[in-house]
Amino acid sequence: MAERYQVRGLRIWDSETDTYSKLFQNEGHARHIYNMLLCGKHALKFQPLSEWQDDKPASDAVEQPASDPVNNPSHYTQSGIQCDDAIRAMLGPEGYSAYVRGTMLAYM
């Protein structure tokens, strides 16, 4: 039997309901959330693809407006890079995964 969830580009697909997650920043981010989903450490909202308002051509990153204080706050960005992207680059996949787990525990 095939797995219920699959990464499809910048989204995660739920084969049982034929619904999709929101767009992720890049495929690596989608795969990270996919792995957390499989471990039961993440809940995603799935909807039919036609209901998502964020359908844009796939690219390496989903651009957010520079003045968006919720999705792209200026205090999270320096020199054009998101803080989370810099942390991910510095820690590598295993270190970043541990960092995210620790952050999740702190917020729980």
Protein backbone atom coordinates (compact mmCIF):
# COMPACT_ATOMS: atom_id res chain seq x y z
CA MET A 1 0.00 0.00 0.00
CA ALA A 2 1.32 3.45 -0.90
CA GLU A 3 2.07 5.99 1.79
CA ARG A 4 -0.77 8.34 2.68
CA TYR A 5 1.32 11.52 2.34
CA GLN A 6 3.62 12.51 -0.51
CA VAL A 7 5.68 15.62 -1.18
CA ARG A 8 4.61 17.10 -4.51
CA GLY A 9 6.82 20.04 -5.32
CA LEU A 10 6.09 22.76 -2.74
CA ARG A 11 3.08 20.97 -1.22
CA ILE A 12 2.25 17.78 0.67
CA TRP A 13 -0.55 15.64 -0.77
CA ASP A 14 -2.92 13.48 1.32
CA SER A 15 -3.83 10.49 -0.88
CA GLU A 16 -6.77 9.42 1.35
CA THR A 17 -8.63 12.69 0.87
CA ASP A 18 -6.96 13.93 -2.36
CA THR A 19 -6.18 17.24 -0.65
CA TYR A 20 -3.05 19.38 -0.42
CA SER A 21 -1.13 21.45 2.12
CA LYS A 22 -0.26 25.11 1.68
CA LEU A 23 2.77 26.09 -0.39
CA PHE A 24 6.10 25.76 1.40
CA GLN A 25 9.18 27.96 0.96
CA ASN A 26 10.99 25.25 -0.97
CA GLU A 27 10.91 21.49 -1.47
CA GLY A 28 13.39 20.97 1.38
CA HIS A 29 11.04 22.73 3.79
CA ALA A 30 8.13 20.59 2.51
CA ARG A 31 10.17 17.42 3.10
CA HIS A 32 11.10 18.56 6.62
CA ILE A 33 7.43 19.10 7.53
CA TYR A 34 6.54 15.81 5.81
CA ASN A 35 8.99 13.96 8.09
CA MET A 36 7.54 15.66 11.16
CA LEU A 37 4.03 14.77 9.95
CA LEU A 38 4.98 11.09 9.68
CA CYS A 39 6.26 11.17 13.28
CA GLY A 40 3.01 12.76 14.50
CA LYS A 41 4.83 15.98 15.44
CA HIS A 42 3.02 18.29 13.02
CA ALA A 43 -0.58 18.92 12.00
CA LEU A 44 -1.28 20.41 8.60
CA LYS A 45 -4.39 21.88 7.10
CA PHE A 46 -5.28 20.03 3.89
CA GLN A 47 -7.71 21.41 1.32
CA PRO A 48 -8.59 20.66 -2.30
CA LEU A 49 -6.01 22.32 -4.49
CA SER A 50 -8.68 24.57 -6.03
CA GLU A 51 -9.42 26.12 -2.60
CA TRP A 52 -5.90 27.35 -1.89
CA GLN A 53 -5.48 31.03 -2.72
CA ASP A 54 -1.68 30.80 -2.85
CA ASP A 55 -1.38 29.03 -6.21
CA LYS A 56 1.65 30.59 -7.85
CA PRO A 57 4.21 29.19 -10.24
CA ALA A 58 6.63 26.96 -8.35
CA SER A 59 9.95 28.61 -7.56
CA ASP A 60 12.76 28.13 -5.06
CA ALA A 61 10.99 30.40 -2.59
CA VAL A 62 7.51 31.79 -2.17
CA GLU A 63 7.98 35.54 -2.19
CA GLN A 64 6.21 37.54 0.49
CA PRO A 65 5.60 41.27 0.28
CA ALA A 66 8.41 43.22 1.94
CA SER A 67 5.92 45.17 4.07
CA ASP A 68 4.03 42.10 5.39
CA PRO A 69 4.49 42.23 9.21
CA VAL A 70 3.00 38.73 9.70
CA ASN A 71 4.62 36.57 7.03
CA ASN A 72 7.78 38.56 6.40
CA PRO A 73 8.53 40.85 9.36
CA SER A 74 11.44 43.21 8.77
CA HIS A 75 13.04 42.26 12.11
CA TYR A 76 13.41 38.63 10.87
CA THR A 77 15.32 39.65 7.77
CA GLN A 78 18.78 41.09 7.33
CA SER A 79 20.61 41.42 4.03
CA GLY A 80 17.68 39.78 2.22
CA ILE A 81 17.72 36.43 4.05
CA GLN A 82 15.13 35.11 6.49
CA CYS A 83 16.48 34.29 9.95
CA ASP A 84 15.12 30.72 9.70
CA ASP A 85 16.96 30.16 6.39
CA ALA A 86 20.23 31.36 7.96
CA ILE A 87 19.78 29.05 10.97
CA ARG A 88 19.03 26.10 8.68
CA ALA A 89 22.16 26.83 6.62
CA MET A 90 24.38 27.12 9.73
CA LEU A 91 23.09 24.01 11.55
CA GLY A 92 22.66 21.57 8.67
CA PRO A 93 19.75 19.10 8.41
CA GLU A 94 20.28 17.22 11.68
CA GLY A 95 21.10 20.29 13.75
CA TYR A 96 18.16 22.21 12.30
CA SER A 97 15.80 19.32 13.05
CA ALA A 98 16.97 19.30 16.69
CA TYR A 99 16.56 23.09 16.86
CA VAL A 100 12.98 22.87 15.54
CA ARG A 101 12.08 20.09 18.00
CA GLY A 102 13.45 22.18 20.87
CA THR A 103 11.54 25.24 19.72
CA MET A 104 8.33 23.21 19.47
CA LEU A 105 8.80 21.92 23.01
CA ALA A 106 9.39 25.46 24.28
CA TYR A 107 6.14 26.69 22.74
CA MET A 108 4.16 23.69 23.95
